[in-house]
């Protein structure tokens, strides 16, 4: 599919001279396709924080490339000074979004490259960091394809699928994660009707998921978040596919705010509910969802961001968590590039990873 080729090239990539990272500014979609060239640490941090680059896998790929670009700027330092600065920058980037585990996972990989090559010059290590960044990118694309292969076995031709937030190629590259079965099935000649929750307050489902599905030729209908119950009750939904930013050892998982409510509705109506994501999203050091840090965002995202005039008085208090945690009891299965995991999750996740 042309859309798939384009997405793999354009969401995040190195500049031709490999001195900068170029990203599609997702805050400007769907009406403006604009790109940002990033060469310094503050701009990289801002890109993650502002959701110009977003989605756990895409953030991980971006972080890998960002460390490569940044480290070139001090590759003449002796090893000890280079290692100290590299670690500081990795810690700094990691502070931009604490919930998505792929960010810390990719940064740890790059720090590991530096620590494992103490006998080499900084310039040689920078080249290895660049190779590692490209490996992270390639592994992510293969992961996306495998998730699509496994996930498509959970639905049949003509099914209705509900999504929440955006876990498509804009967030995850390749086929995406939650959308991977949809795109993979489409390539096999299958058709689906997707209902895309708009996903308040940042409207990723409206601005991003409906945008990319429509551009890819998928039959998509956008709905307000509070309409999900009705379309489920009307029998239009055969499965729910959502992404995940962090999966705890017991199968609880964090995803965009509103996901847990969708899971509760699906349970009530007897609809299978799946979360789809790379194995790097599973964090065995996080025992349960209670241990997942939930990021609080700017109150003005609720009060005024999308309106010509504020929709609430300035003195009205607001609460704006970016994520919520879906209890494992509401999850039918967890789809990874290694396979589909069913309950009991704590036991079967460990079997999948031979832990």
C-alpha atoms as a PDB file:
ATOM      1  CA  UNK A   1       0.000   0.000   0.000  1.00  0.00           C
ATOM      2  CA  UNK A   2       1.355   3.444  -0.903  1.00  0.00           C
ATOM      3  CA  UNK A   3       0.131   4.879   2.390  1.00  0.00           C
ATOM      4  CA  UNK A   4       2.120   2.276   4.305  1.00  0.00           C
ATOM      5  CA  UNK A   5       5.314   3.025   2.379  1.00  0.00           C
ATOM      6  CA  UNK A   6       4.893   6.713   2.924  1.00  0.00           C
ATOM      7  CA  UNK A   7       4.190   6.342   6.638  1.00  0.00           C
ATOM      8  CA  UNK A   8       7.309   4.267   7.222  1.00  0.00           C
ATOM      9  CA  UNK A   9       9.415   6.968   5.608  1.00  0.00           C
ATOM     10  CA  UNK A  10       7.849  10.156   6.842  1.00  0.00           C
ATOM     11  CA  UNK A  11       6.749   9.956  10.480  1.00  0.00           C
ATOM     12  CA  UNK A  12      10.298  10.009  11.842  1.00  0.00           C
ATOM     13  CA  UNK A  13      13.571   9.758   9.932  1.00  0.00           C
ATOM     14  CA  UNK A  14      17.148  10.965   9.831  1.00  0.00           C
ATOM     15  CA  UNK A  15      18.098  13.861   7.596  1.00  0.00           C
ATOM     16  CA  UNK A  16      20.202  12.849   4.567  1.00  0.00           C
ATOM     17  CA  UNK A  17      23.409  13.950   6.324  1.00  0.00           C
ATOM     18  CA  UNK A  18      22.292  12.230   9.578  1.00  0.00           C
ATOM     19  CA  UNK A  19      22.837  15.453  11.535  1.00  0.00           C
ATOM     20  CA  UNK A  20      19.154  15.932  12.432  1.00  0.00           C
ATOM     21  CA  UNK A  21      15.936  14.031  13.066  1.00  0.00           C
ATOM     22  CA  UNK A  22      12.952  15.009  10.937  1.00  0.00           C
ATOM     23  CA  UNK A  23       9.451  14.364  12.286  1.00  0.00           C
ATOM     24  CA  UNK A  24       5.926  14.915  11.060  1.00  0.00           C
ATOM     25  CA  UNK A  25       4.315  17.444  13.416  1.00  0.00           C
ATOM     26  CA  UNK A  26       1.244  15.543  14.569  1.00  0.00           C
ATOM     27  CA  UNK A  27      -0.172  18.544  16.396  1.00  0.00           C
ATOM     28  CA  UNK A  28      -0.882  20.097  12.977  1.00  0.00           C
ATOM     29  CA  UNK A  29      -2.830  17.186  11.529  1.00  0.00           C
ATOM     30  CA  UNK A  30      -5.232  16.616   9.847  1.00  0.00           C
ATOM     31  CA  UNK A  31      -5.292  19.952   8.057  1.00  0.00           C
ATOM     32  CA  UNK A  32      -1.580  20.663   7.769  1.00  0.00           C
ATOM     33  CA  UNK A  33       1.243  18.248   6.955  1.00  0.00           C
ATOM     34  CA  UNK A  34       4.315  19.993   8.329  1.00  0.00           C
ATOM     35  CA  UNK A  35       7.747  18.703   9.321  1.00  0.00           C
ATOM     36  CA  UNK A  36      10.137  19.691  12.089  1.00  0.00           C
ATOM     37  CA  UNK A  37      13.916  19.365  11.922  1.00  0.00           C
ATOM     38  CA  UNK A  38      15.458  18.677  15.334  1.00  0.00           C
ATOM     39  CA  UNK A  39      19.116  19.033  16.261  1.00  0.00           C
ATOM     40  CA  UNK A  40      19.249  20.045  19.950  1.00  0.00           C
ATOM     41  CA  UNK A  41      18.172  18.385  23.192  1.00  0.00           C
ATOM     42  CA  UNK A  42      15.608  20.993  24.296  1.00  0.00           C
ATOM     43  CA  UNK A  43      13.811  20.800  20.959  1.00  0.00           C
ATOM     44  CA  UNK A  44      13.841  16.988  21.132  1.00  0.00           C
ATOM     45  CA  UNK A  45      12.419  17.108  24.679  1.00  0.00           C
ATOM     46  CA  UNK A  46       9.719  19.553  23.574  1.00  0.00           C
ATOM     47  CA  UNK A  47       8.773  17.398  20.581  1.00  0.00           C
ATOM     48  CA  UNK A  48       7.949  14.508  22.895  1.00  0.00           C
ATOM     49  CA  UNK A  49       6.266  16.615  25.565  1.00  0.00           C
ATOM     50  CA  UNK A  50       4.126  18.569  23.086  1.00  0.00           C
ATOM     51  CA  UNK A  51       3.078  15.354  21.290  1.00  0.00           C
ATOM     52  CA  UNK A  52       4.600  16.518  18.022  1.00  0.00           C
ATOM     53  CA  UNK A  53       5.991  12.998  17.991  1.00  0.00           C
ATOM     54  CA  UNK A  54       3.728  10.618  19.879  1.00  0.00           C
ATOM     55  CA  UNK A  55       2.823   6.981  20.394  1.00  0.00           C
ATOM     56  CA  UNK A  56       5.049   4.712  22.457  1.00  0.00           C
ATOM     57  CA  UNK A  57       6.841   2.911  19.558  1.00  0.00           C
ATOM     58  CA  UNK A  58       7.369   6.088  17.505  1.00  0.00           C
ATOM     59  CA  UNK A  59       8.723   7.886  20.581  1.00  0.00           C
ATOM     60  CA  UNK A  60      11.156   5.013  21.114  1.00  0.00           C
ATOM     61  CA  UNK A  61      12.409   5.202  17.525  1.00  0.00           C
ATOM     62  CA  UNK A  62      12.678   8.981  17.774  1.00  0.00           C
ATOM     63  CA  UNK A  63      14.646   8.731  21.019  1.00  0.00           C
ATOM     64  CA  UNK A  64      17.098   6.303  19.430  1.00  0.00           C
ATOM     65  CA  UNK A  65      17.742   8.657  16.525  1.00  0.00           C
ATOM     66  CA  UNK A  66      17.807  11.746  18.754  1.00  0.00           C
ATOM     67  CA  UNK A  67      20.618  10.304  20.884  1.00  0.00           C
ATOM     68  CA  UNK A  68      22.586   9.544  17.729  1.00  0.00           C
ATOM     69  CA  UNK A  69      22.148  13.096  16.431  1.00  0.00           C
ATOM     70  CA  UNK A  70      22.950  14.720  19.776  1.00  0.00           C
ATOM     71  CA  UNK A  71      25.991  12.557  20.488  1.00  0.00           C
ATOM     72  CA  UNK A  72      27.639  13.601  17.223  1.00  0.00           C
ATOM     73  CA  UNK A  73      27.940  17.084  18.664  1.00  0.00           C
ATOM     74  CA  UNK A  74      30.423  16.036  21.365  1.00  0.00           C
ATOM     75  CA  UNK A  75      32.129  13.034  19.793  1.00  0.00           C
ATOM     76  CA  UNK A  76      35.553  14.635  20.250  1.00  0.00           C
ATOM     77  CA  UNK A  77      35.350  14.334  24.042  1.00  0.00           C
ATOM     78  CA  UNK A  78      37.346  11.701  25.928  1.00  0.00           C
ATOM     79  CA  UNK A  79      35.324   8.609  26.842  1.00  0.00           C
ATOM     80  CA  UNK A  80      34.525   9.521  30.465  1.00  0.00           C
ATOM     81  CA  UNK A  81      33.243  12.978  29.569  1.00  0.00           C
ATOM     82  CA  UNK A  82      31.357  11.582  26.563  1.00  0.00           C
ATOM     83  CA  UNK A  83      29.676   8.887  28.682  1.00  0.00           C
ATOM     84  CA  UNK A  84      28.669  11.429  31.330  1.00  0.00           C
ATOM     85  CA  UNK A  85      27.116  13.805  28.800  1.00  0.00           C
ATOM     86  CA  UNK A  86      25.388  10.982  26.896  1.00  0.00           C
ATOM     87  CA  UNK A  87      23.835   9.621  30.103  1.00  0.00           C
ATOM     88  CA  UNK A  88      22.728  13.101  31.172  1.00  0.00           C
ATOM     89  CA  UNK A  89      20.980  13.707  27.852  1.00  0.00           C
ATOM     90  CA  UNK A  90      19.284  10.307  27.968  1.00  0.00           C
ATOM     91  CA  UNK A  91      17.971  11.042  31.471  1.00  0.00           C
ATOM     92  CA  UNK A  92      16.772  14.443  30.304  1.00  0.00           C
ATOM     93  CA  UNK A  93      14.848  13.048  27.323  1.00  0.00           C
ATOM     94  CA  UNK A  94      13.399  10.316  29.530  1.00  0.00           C
ATOM     95  CA  UNK A  95      11.808  12.976  31.763  1.00  0.00           C
ATOM     96  CA  UNK A  96       9.618  14.254  28.916  1.00  0.00           C
ATOM     97  CA  UNK A  97       6.993  11.478  29.171  1.00  0.00           C
ATOM     98  CA  UNK A  98       7.334   9.110  32.125  1.00  0.00           C
ATOM     99  CA  UNK A  99       4.455   6.732  31.334  1.00  0.00           C
ATOM    100  CA  UNK A 100       5.439   5.335  27.917  1.00  0.00           C
ATOM    101  CA  UNK A 101       7.979   2.584  28.559  1.00  0.00           C
ATOM    102  CA  UNK A 102       9.339   2.532  24.989  1.00  0.00           C
ATOM    103  CA  UNK A 103      11.037   5.853  25.615  1.00  0.00           C
ATOM    104  CA  UNK A 104      13.089   4.585  28.549  1.00  0.00           C
ATOM    105  CA  UNK A 105      13.593   1.229  26.797  1.00  0.00           C
ATOM    106  CA  UNK A 106      15.172   2.831  23.715  1.00  0.00           C
ATOM    107  CA  UNK A 107      17.282   5.211  25.786  1.00  0.00           C
ATOM    108  CA  UNK A 108      18.570   2.341  27.942  1.00  0.00           C
ATOM    109  CA  UNK A 109      19.597   0.489  24.789  1.00  0.00           C
ATOM    110  CA  UNK A 110      21.611   3.472  23.616  1.00  0.00           C
ATOM    111  CA  UNK A 111      23.219   4.020  27.019  1.00  0.00           C
ATOM    112  CA  UNK A 112      24.058   0.310  26.991  1.00  0.00           C
ATOM    113  CA  UNK A 113      25.925   0.750  23.701  1.00  0.00           C
ATOM    114  CA  UNK A 114      28.010   3.518  25.241  1.00  0.00           C
ATOM    115  CA  UNK A 115      28.740   1.574  28.425  1.00  0.00           C
ATOM    116  CA  UNK A 116      29.688  -1.603  26.549  1.00  0.00           C
ATOM    117  CA  UNK A 117      32.295   0.096  24.370  1.00  0.00           C
ATOM    118  CA  UNK A 118      34.507   1.891  26.859  1.00  0.00           C
ATOM    119  CA  UNK A 119      37.645   0.884  24.985  1.00  0.00           C
ATOM    120  CA  UNK A 120      36.648   2.680  21.796  1.00  0.00           C
ATOM    121  CA  UNK A 121      36.854   6.346  20.868  1.00  0.00           C
ATOM    122  CA  UNK A 122      33.757   8.509  21.243  1.00  0.00           C
ATOM    123  CA  UNK A 123      33.531   8.847  17.459  1.00  0.00           C
ATOM    124  CA  UNK A 124      33.511   5.069  17.077  1.00  0.00           C
ATOM    125  CA  UNK A 125      30.827   4.791  19.756  1.00  0.00           C
ATOM    126  CA  UNK A 126      28.692   7.422  18.030  1.00  0.00           C
ATOM    127  CA  UNK A 127      28.757   5.293  14.873  1.00  0.00           C
ATOM    128  CA  UNK A 128      27.569   2.308  16.942  1.00  0.00           C
ATOM    129  CA  UNK A 129      24.824   4.438  18.486  1.00  0.00           C
ATOM    130  CA  UNK A 130      23.682   5.270  14.953  1.00  0.00           C
ATOM    131  CA  UNK A 131      23.625   1.591  14.027  1.00  0.00           C
ATOM    132  CA  UNK A 132      21.613   0.823  17.158  1.00  0.00           C
ATOM    133  CA  UNK A 133      19.078   3.545  16.318  1.00  0.00           C
ATOM    134  CA  UNK A 134      18.565   2.021  12.878  1.00  0.00           C
ATOM    135  CA  UNK A 135      18.159  -1.418  14.455  1.00  0.00           C
ATOM    136  CA  UNK A 136      15.474  -0.086  16.795  1.00  0.00           C
ATOM    137  CA  UNK A 137      13.640   1.355  13.788  1.00  0.00           C
ATOM    138  CA  UNK A 138      13.898  -1.866  11.742  1.00  0.00           C
ATOM    139  CA  UNK A 139      12.862  -4.031  14.695  1.00  0.00           C
ATOM    140  CA  UNK A 140       9.845  -1.812  15.257  1.00  0.00           C
ATOM    141  CA  UNK A 141       8.692  -2.221  11.650  1.00  0.00           C
ATOM    142  CA  UNK A 142       9.012  -6.005  11.871  1.00  0.00           C
ATOM    143  CA  UNK A 143       7.204  -5.963  15.218  1.00  0.00           C
ATOM    144  CA  UNK A 144       4.329  -4.044  13.652  1.00  0.00           C
ATOM    145  CA  UNK A 145       3.962  -6.570  10.844  1.00  0.00           C
ATOM    146  CA  UNK A 146       3.952  -9.529  13.252  1.00  0.00           C
ATOM    147  CA  UNK A 147       1.298  -7.888  15.444  1.00  0.00           C
ATOM    148  CA  UNK A 148      -0.816  -7.527  12.313  1.00  0.00           C
ATOM    149  CA  UNK A 149      -0.375 -11.209  11.457  1.00  0.00           C
ATOM    150  CA  UNK A 150      -1.422 -12.352  14.927  1.00  0.00           C
ATOM    151  CA  UNK A 151      -4.156  -9.777  15.386  1.00  0.00           C
ATOM    152  CA  UNK A 152      -5.942 -10.440  12.128  1.00  0.00           C
ATOM    153  CA  UNK A 153      -6.727 -13.977  13.340  1.00  0.00           C
ATOM    154  CA  UNK A 154      -9.022 -12.416  15.971  1.00  0.00           C
ATOM    155  CA  UNK A 155     -11.452 -10.894  13.454  1.00  0.00           C
ATOM    156  CA  UNK A 156     -13.187 -11.922  10.270  1.00  0.00           C
ATOM    157  CA  UNK A 157     -13.952 -10.203   7.003  1.00  0.00           C
ATOM    158  CA  UNK A 158     -16.622  -7.532   7.403  1.00  0.00           C
ATOM    159  CA  UNK A 159     -16.252  -7.098  11.185  1.00  0.00           C
ATOM    160  CA  UNK A 160     -16.802  -3.814  12.975  1.00  0.00           C
ATOM    161  CA  UNK A 161     -13.856  -2.698  15.098  1.00  0.00           C
ATOM    162  CA  UNK A 162     -13.761   0.089  17.676  1.00  0.00           C
ATOM    163  CA  UNK A 163     -10.539   2.001  18.334  1.00  0.00           C
ATOM    164  CA  UNK A 164      -9.590   4.592  20.945  1.00  0.00           C
ATOM    165  CA  UNK A 165      -6.847   7.204  20.591  1.00  0.00           C
ATOM    166  CA  UNK A 166      -4.281   6.595  17.849  1.00  0.00           C
ATOM    167  CA  UNK A 167      -2.131   3.491  17.682  1.00  0.00           C
ATOM    168  CA  UNK A 168      -1.731   3.485  13.918  1.00  0.00           C
ATOM    169  CA  UNK A 169       1.282   4.178  11.754  1.00  0.00           C
ATOM    170  CA  UNK A 170       1.421   7.777  12.955  1.00  0.00           C
ATOM    171  CA  UNK A 171       2.055   6.571  16.498  1.00  0.00           C
ATOM    172  CA  UNK A 172       3.847   3.298  15.870  1.00  0.00           C
ATOM    173  CA  UNK A 173       5.173   3.374  12.276  1.00  0.00           C
ATOM    174  CA  UNK A 174       4.701   0.502   9.843  1.00  0.00           C
ATOM    175  CA  UNK A 175       1.248  -0.990  10.285  1.00  0.00           C
ATOM    176  CA  UNK A 176       0.826   0.538  13.732  1.00  0.00           C
ATOM    177  CA  UNK A 177      -0.210  -1.655  16.659  1.00  0.00           C
ATOM    178  CA  UNK A 178      -3.959  -1.404  17.277  1.00  0.00           C
ATOM    179  CA  UNK A 179      -4.466  -0.792  13.551  1.00  0.00           C
ATOM    180  CA  UNK A 180      -1.990  -3.472  12.441  1.00  0.00           C
ATOM    181  CA  UNK A 181      -4.649  -6.197  11.955  1.00  0.00           C
ATOM    182  CA  UNK A 182      -6.754  -3.721   9.974  1.00  0.00           C
ATOM    183  CA  UNK A 183      -3.970  -2.782   7.564  1.00  0.00           C
ATOM    184  CA  UNK A 184      -2.611  -6.322   7.353  1.00  0.00           C
ATOM    185  CA  UNK A 185      -6.095  -7.697   6.718  1.00  0.00           C
ATOM    186  CA  UNK A 186      -6.688  -5.039   4.085  1.00  0.00           C
ATOM    187  CA  UNK A 187      -3.609  -6.258   2.228  1.00  0.00           C
ATOM    188  CA  UNK A 188      -5.103  -9.771   2.299  1.00  0.00           C
ATOM    189  CA  UNK A 189      -8.330  -8.488   0.710  1.00  0.00           C
ATOM    190  CA  UNK A 190     -10.367  -8.224   3.923  1.00  0.00           C
ATOM    191  CA  UNK A 191     -12.646  -5.296   4.696  1.00  0.00           C
ATOM    192  CA  UNK A 192     -13.538  -3.850   8.083  1.00  0.00           C
ATOM    193  CA  UNK A 193     -15.682  -1.024   9.331  1.00  0.00           C
ATOM    194  CA  UNK A 194     -13.793   0.931  11.960  1.00  0.00           C
ATOM    195  CA  UNK A 195     -15.429   3.189  14.526  1.00  0.00           C
ATOM    196  CA  UNK A 196     -12.873   5.700  15.753  1.00  0.00           C
ATOM    197  CA  UNK A 197     -13.469   7.315  19.151  1.00  0.00           C
ATOM    198  CA  UNK A 198     -12.528  10.992  18.876  1.00  0.00           C
ATOM    199  CA  UNK A 199     -10.579  10.614  22.163  1.00  0.00           C
ATOM    200  CA  UNK A 200     -10.912  13.770  24.219  1.00  0.00           C
ATOM    201  CA  UNK A 201      -9.309  16.062  25.164  1.00  0.00           C
ATOM    202  CA  UNK A 202      -6.529  15.957  22.520  1.00  0.00           C
ATOM    203  CA  UNK A 203      -8.716  14.302  19.855  1.00  0.00           C
ATOM    204  CA  UNK A 204      -6.121  11.836  18.569  1.00  0.00           C
ATOM    205  CA  UNK A 205      -8.866   9.560  17.295  1.00  0.00           C
ATOM    206  CA  UNK A 206     -10.481  12.378  15.352  1.00  0.00           C
ATOM    207  CA  UNK A 207      -7.371  14.159  14.111  1.00  0.00           C
ATOM    208  CA  UNK A 208      -5.112  11.163  13.566  1.00  0.00           C
ATOM    209  CA  UNK A 209      -6.816   7.745  13.455  1.00  0.00           C
ATOM    210  CA  UNK A 210      -9.693   8.785  11.227  1.00  0.00           C
ATOM    211  CA  UNK A 211      -7.207  10.732   9.092  1.00  0.00           C
ATOM    212  CA  UNK A 212      -4.814   7.854   8.480  1.00  0.00           C
ATOM    213  CA  UNK A 213      -7.540   5.231   8.010  1.00  0.00           C
ATOM    214  CA  UNK A 214      -9.429   7.408   5.529  1.00  0.00           C
ATOM    215  CA  UNK A 215      -6.212   8.105   3.605  1.00  0.00           C
ATOM    216  CA  UNK A 216      -5.503   4.367   3.555  1.00  0.00           C
ATOM    217  CA  UNK A 217      -8.888   3.453   2.104  1.00  0.00           C
ATOM    218  CA  UNK A 218     -10.329   1.899   5.271  1.00  0.00           C
ATOM    219  CA  UNK A 219     -14.052   2.349   5.919  1.00  0.00           C
ATOM    220  CA  UNK A 220     -13.985   4.542   9.039  1.00  0.00           C
ATOM    221  CA  UNK A 221     -16.660   6.365  11.034  1.00  0.00           C
ATOM    222  CA  UNK A 222     -15.662   8.866  13.712  1.00  0.00           C
ATOM    223  CA  UNK A 223     -17.755   8.986  16.893  1.00  0.00           C
ATOM    224  CA  UNK A 224     -17.666  10.987  20.094  1.00  0.00           C
ATOM    225  CA  UNK A 225     -16.280   9.056  23.048  1.00  0.00           C
ATOM    226  CA  UNK A 226     -19.674   8.917  24.751  1.00  0.00           C
ATOM    227  CA  UNK A 227     -21.243   7.244  21.694  1.00  0.00           C
ATOM    228  CA  UNK A 228     -19.279   4.012  22.073  1.00  0.00           C
ATOM    229  CA  UNK A 229     -21.913   2.411  24.275  1.00  0.00           C
ATOM    230  CA  UNK A 230     -24.636   2.975  21.716  1.00  0.00           C
ATOM    231  CA  UNK A 231     -22.759   1.505  18.743  1.00  0.00           C
ATOM    232  CA  UNK A 232     -21.858  -1.486  20.897  1.00  0.00           C
ATOM    233  CA  UNK A 233     -25.471  -1.954  21.944  1.00  0.00           C
ATOM    234  CA  UNK A 234     -26.560  -1.735  18.297  1.00  0.00           C
ATOM    235  CA  UNK A 235     -24.298  -4.688  17.469  1.00  0.00           C
ATOM    236  CA  UNK A 236     -21.948  -2.729  15.242  1.00  0.00           C
ATOM    237  CA  UNK A 237     -18.793  -3.688  17.130  1.00  0.00           C
ATOM    238  CA  UNK A 238     -17.279  -7.177  16.972  1.00  0.00           C
ATOM    239  CA  UNK A 239     -13.965  -6.360  18.645  1.00  0.00           C
ATOM    240  CA  UNK A 240     -12.121  -3.504  20.341  1.00  0.00           C
ATOM    241  CA  UNK A 241      -8.472  -2.897  19.459  1.00  0.00           C
ATOM    242  CA  UNK A 242      -6.463  -0.378  21.483  1.00  0.00           C
ATOM    243  CA  UNK A 243      -2.787   0.331  21.985  1.00  0.00           C
ATOM    244  CA  UNK A 244      -0.797   0.395  25.213  1.00  0.00           C
ATOM    245  CA  UNK A 245       1.914   2.599  26.656  1.00  0.00           C
ATOM    246  CA  UNK A 246       2.918   0.312  29.510  1.00  0.00           C
ATOM    247  CA  UNK A 247       1.775  -3.207  30.435  1.00  0.00           C
ATOM    248  CA  UNK A 248       2.280  -4.341  34.024  1.00  0.00           C
ATOM    249  CA  UNK A 249       3.382  -7.868  34.907  1.00  0.00           C
ATOM    250  CA  UNK A 250      -0.194  -8.837  35.840  1.00  0.00           C
ATOM    251  CA  UNK A 251      -1.729  -7.613  32.562  1.00  0.00           C
ATOM    252  CA  UNK A 252      -3.000  -4.234  33.760  1.00  0.00           C
ATOM    253  CA  UNK A 253      -2.054  -1.620  31.177  1.00  0.00           C
ATOM    254  CA  UNK A 254      -1.876   2.132  30.742  1.00  0.00           C
ATOM    255  CA  UNK A 255      -3.266   3.734  27.624  1.00  0.00           C
ATOM    256  CA  UNK A 256      -4.839   7.019  26.609  1.00  0.00           C
ATOM    257  CA  UNK A 257      -7.419   8.374  29.030  1.00  0.00           C
ATOM    258  CA  UNK A 258     -10.819   6.820  28.383  1.00  0.00           C
ATOM    259  CA  UNK A 259      -9.517   3.354  27.486  1.00  0.00           C
ATOM    260  CA  UNK A 260     -10.631   1.770  30.759  1.00  0.00           C
ATOM    261  CA  UNK A 261     -14.169   3.058  30.208  1.00  0.00           C
ATOM    262  CA  UNK A 262     -14.241   1.458  26.757  1.00  0.00           C
ATOM    263  CA  UNK A 263     -13.067  -1.805  28.320  1.00  0.00           C
ATOM    264  CA  UNK A 264     -15.863  -1.699  30.891  1.00  0.00           C
ATOM    265  CA  UNK A 265     -18.434  -1.142  28.143  1.00  0.00           C
ATOM    266  CA  UNK A 266     -17.025  -3.986  26.061  1.00  0.00           C
ATOM    267  CA  UNK A 267     -17.218  -6.306  29.073  1.00  0.00           C
ATOM    268  CA  UNK A 268     -20.851  -5.334  29.632  1.00  0.00           C
ATOM    269  CA  UNK A 269     -21.812  -6.036  26.016  1.00  0.00           C
ATOM    270  CA  UNK A 270     -19.739  -9.210  25.705  1.00  0.00           C
ATOM    271  CA  UNK A 271     -17.363  -7.786  23.100  1.00  0.00           C
ATOM    272  CA  UNK A 272     -13.739  -9.034  22.963  1.00  0.00           C
ATOM    273  CA  UNK A 273     -11.316  -6.352  24.100  1.00  0.00           C
ATOM    274  CA  UNK A 274      -7.660  -6.529  23.037  1.00  0.00           C
ATOM    275  CA  UNK A 275      -4.636  -4.380  23.635  1.00  0.00           C
ATOM    276  CA  UNK A 276      -1.915  -4.592  21.013  1.00  0.00           C
ATOM    277  CA  UNK A 277       1.681  -3.498  21.452  1.00  0.00           C
ATOM    278  CA  UNK A 278       5.331  -4.465  21.187  1.00  0.00           C
ATOM    279  CA  UNK A 279       6.878  -6.736  23.768  1.00  0.00           C
ATOM    280  CA  UNK A 280       9.060  -3.784  24.821  1.00  0.00           C
ATOM    281  CA  UNK A 281       5.892  -2.244  26.279  1.00  0.00           C
ATOM    282  CA  UNK A 282       5.630  -5.047  28.868  1.00  0.00           C
ATOM    283  CA  UNK A 283       7.338  -3.976  32.078  1.00  0.00           C
ATOM    284  CA  UNK A 284       7.928  -6.853  34.477  1.00  0.00           C
ATOM    285  CA  UNK A 285       9.345  -4.421  37.034  1.00  0.00           C
ATOM    286  CA  UNK A 286       5.877  -2.852  37.258  1.00  0.00           C
ATOM    287  CA  UNK A 287       3.874  -5.413  39.204  1.00  0.00           C
ATOM    288  CA  UNK A 288       0.372  -3.956  38.763  1.00  0.00           C
ATOM    289  CA  UNK A 289      -1.334  -0.960  37.256  1.00  0.00           C
ATOM    290  CA  UNK A 290      -1.229   0.753  40.640  1.00  0.00           C
ATOM    291  CA  UNK A 291       2.526   1.140  40.136  1.00  0.00           C
ATOM    292  CA  UNK A 292       2.192   3.039  36.835  1.00  0.00           C
ATOM    293  CA  UNK A 293       2.859   6.765  37.050  1.00  0.00           C
ATOM    294  CA  UNK A 294       0.066   8.735  35.381  1.00  0.00           C
ATOM    295  CA  UNK A 295       1.119  11.953  33.677  1.00  0.00           C
ATOM    296  CA  UNK A 296      -0.968  15.059  34.408  1.00  0.00           C
ATOM    297  CA  UNK A 297      -1.154  17.555  31.570  1.00  0.00           C
ATOM    298  CA  UNK A 298      -1.948  21.233  31.106  1.00  0.00           C
ATOM    299  CA  UNK A 299      -5.470  22.107  32.351  1.00  0.00           C
ATOM    300  CA  UNK A 300      -5.961  24.396  29.354  1.00  0.00           C
ATOM    301  CA  UNK A 301      -6.143  21.324  27.098  1.00  0.00           C
ATOM    302  CA  UNK A 302      -9.606  20.878  28.605  1.00  0.00           C
ATOM    303  CA  UNK A 303     -10.566  24.481  29.188  1.00  0.00           C
ATOM    304  CA  UNK A 304      -9.554  26.337  26.054  1.00  0.00           C
ATOM    305  CA  UNK A 305      -7.218  24.512  23.652  1.00  0.00           C
ATOM    306  CA  UNK A 306      -9.738  23.684  20.934  1.00  0.00           C
ATOM    307  CA  UNK A 307     -12.097  26.637  21.356  1.00  0.00           C
ATOM    308  CA  UNK A 308     -12.197  30.259  20.206  1.00  0.00           C
ATOM    309  CA  UNK A 309     -13.250  31.141  23.738  1.00  0.00           C
ATOM    310  CA  UNK A 310     -12.750  29.125  26.943  1.00  0.00           C
ATOM    311  CA  UNK A 311     -15.469  26.584  27.664  1.00  0.00           C
ATOM    312  CA  UNK A 312     -15.223  27.057  31.437  1.00  0.00           C
ATOM    313  CA  UNK A 313     -14.653  29.933  33.823  1.00  0.00           C
ATOM    314  CA  UNK A 314     -10.963  30.462  34.649  1.00  0.00           C
ATOM    315  CA  UNK A 315     -11.558  29.756  38.327  1.00  0.00           C
ATOM    316  CA  UNK A 316     -13.087  26.319  37.622  1.00  0.00           C
ATOM    317  CA  UNK A 317     -10.705  23.548  38.678  1.00  0.00           C
ATOM    318  CA  UNK A 318      -9.671  20.972  36.079  1.00  0.00           C
ATOM    319  CA  UNK A 319      -8.154  17.489  36.228  1.00  0.00           C
ATOM    320  CA  UNK A 320      -6.366  16.334  33.087  1.00  0.00           C
ATOM    321  CA  UNK A 321      -4.649  12.920  33.342  1.00  0.00           C
ATOM    322  CA  UNK A 322      -3.136  11.767  30.075  1.00  0.00           C
ATOM    323  CA  UNK A 323      -3.653   8.046  30.718  1.00  0.00           C
ATOM    324  CA  UNK A 324      -5.760   5.648  32.701  1.00  0.00           C
ATOM    325  CA  UNK A 325      -5.123   2.037  33.667  1.00  0.00           C
ATOM    326  CA  UNK A 326      -7.309  -0.797  32.404  1.00  0.00           C
ATOM    327  CA  UNK A 327      -7.607  -3.697  34.816  1.00  0.00           C
ATOM    328  CA  UNK A 328      -6.446  -7.061  33.468  1.00  0.00           C
ATOM    329  CA  UNK A 329      -9.830  -8.579  34.325  1.00  0.00           C
ATOM    330  CA  UNK A 330     -11.345  -6.557  31.462  1.00  0.00           C
ATOM    331  CA  UNK A 331      -8.805  -7.701  28.850  1.00  0.00           C
ATOM    332  CA  UNK A 332      -9.537 -10.599  26.501  1.00  0.00           C
ATOM    333  CA  UNK A 333      -5.981 -10.818  25.213  1.00  0.00           C
ATOM    334  CA  UNK A 334      -2.697  -8.985  24.759  1.00  0.00           C
ATOM    335  CA  UNK A 335      -1.323  -9.107  21.212  1.00  0.00           C
ATOM    336  CA  UNK A 336       2.437  -8.782  20.779  1.00  0.00           C
ATOM    337  CA  UNK A 337       4.889  -9.589  18.008  1.00  0.00           C
ATOM    338  CA  UNK A 338       5.660 -12.796  19.923  1.00  0.00           C
ATOM    339  CA  UNK A 339       2.075 -14.005  19.978  1.00  0.00           C
ATOM    340  CA  UNK A 340      -1.285 -13.523  21.684  1.00  0.00           C
ATOM    341  CA  UNK A 341      -1.337 -13.778  25.464  1.00  0.00           C
ATOM    342  CA  UNK A 342      -4.522 -14.836  27.260  1.00  0.00           C
ATOM    343  CA  UNK A 343      -5.337 -14.982  30.991  1.00  0.00           C
ATOM    344  CA  UNK A 344      -3.894 -15.706  33.463  1.00  0.00           C
ATOM    345  CA  UNK A 345      -1.661 -12.884  32.275  1.00  0.00           C
ATOM    346  CA  UNK A 346       0.958 -12.896  34.991  1.00  0.00           C
ATOM    347  CA  UNK A 347       1.734 -16.541  34.307  1.00  0.00           C
ATOM    348  CA  UNK A 348       1.402 -16.464  30.533  1.00  0.00           C
ATOM    349  CA  UNK A 349       3.340 -13.243  29.996  1.00  0.00           C
ATOM    350  CA  UNK A 350       6.276 -14.811  31.818  1.00  0.00           C
ATOM    351  CA  UNK A 351       5.982 -17.964  29.709  1.00  0.00           C
ATOM    352  CA  UNK A 352       6.071 -15.842  26.559  1.00  0.00           C
ATOM    353  CA  UNK A 353       9.344 -14.302  27.698  1.00  0.00           C
ATOM    354  CA  UNK A 354      10.750 -17.464  29.337  1.00  0.00           C
ATOM    355  CA  UNK A 355      11.002 -15.676  32.671  1.00  0.00           C
END
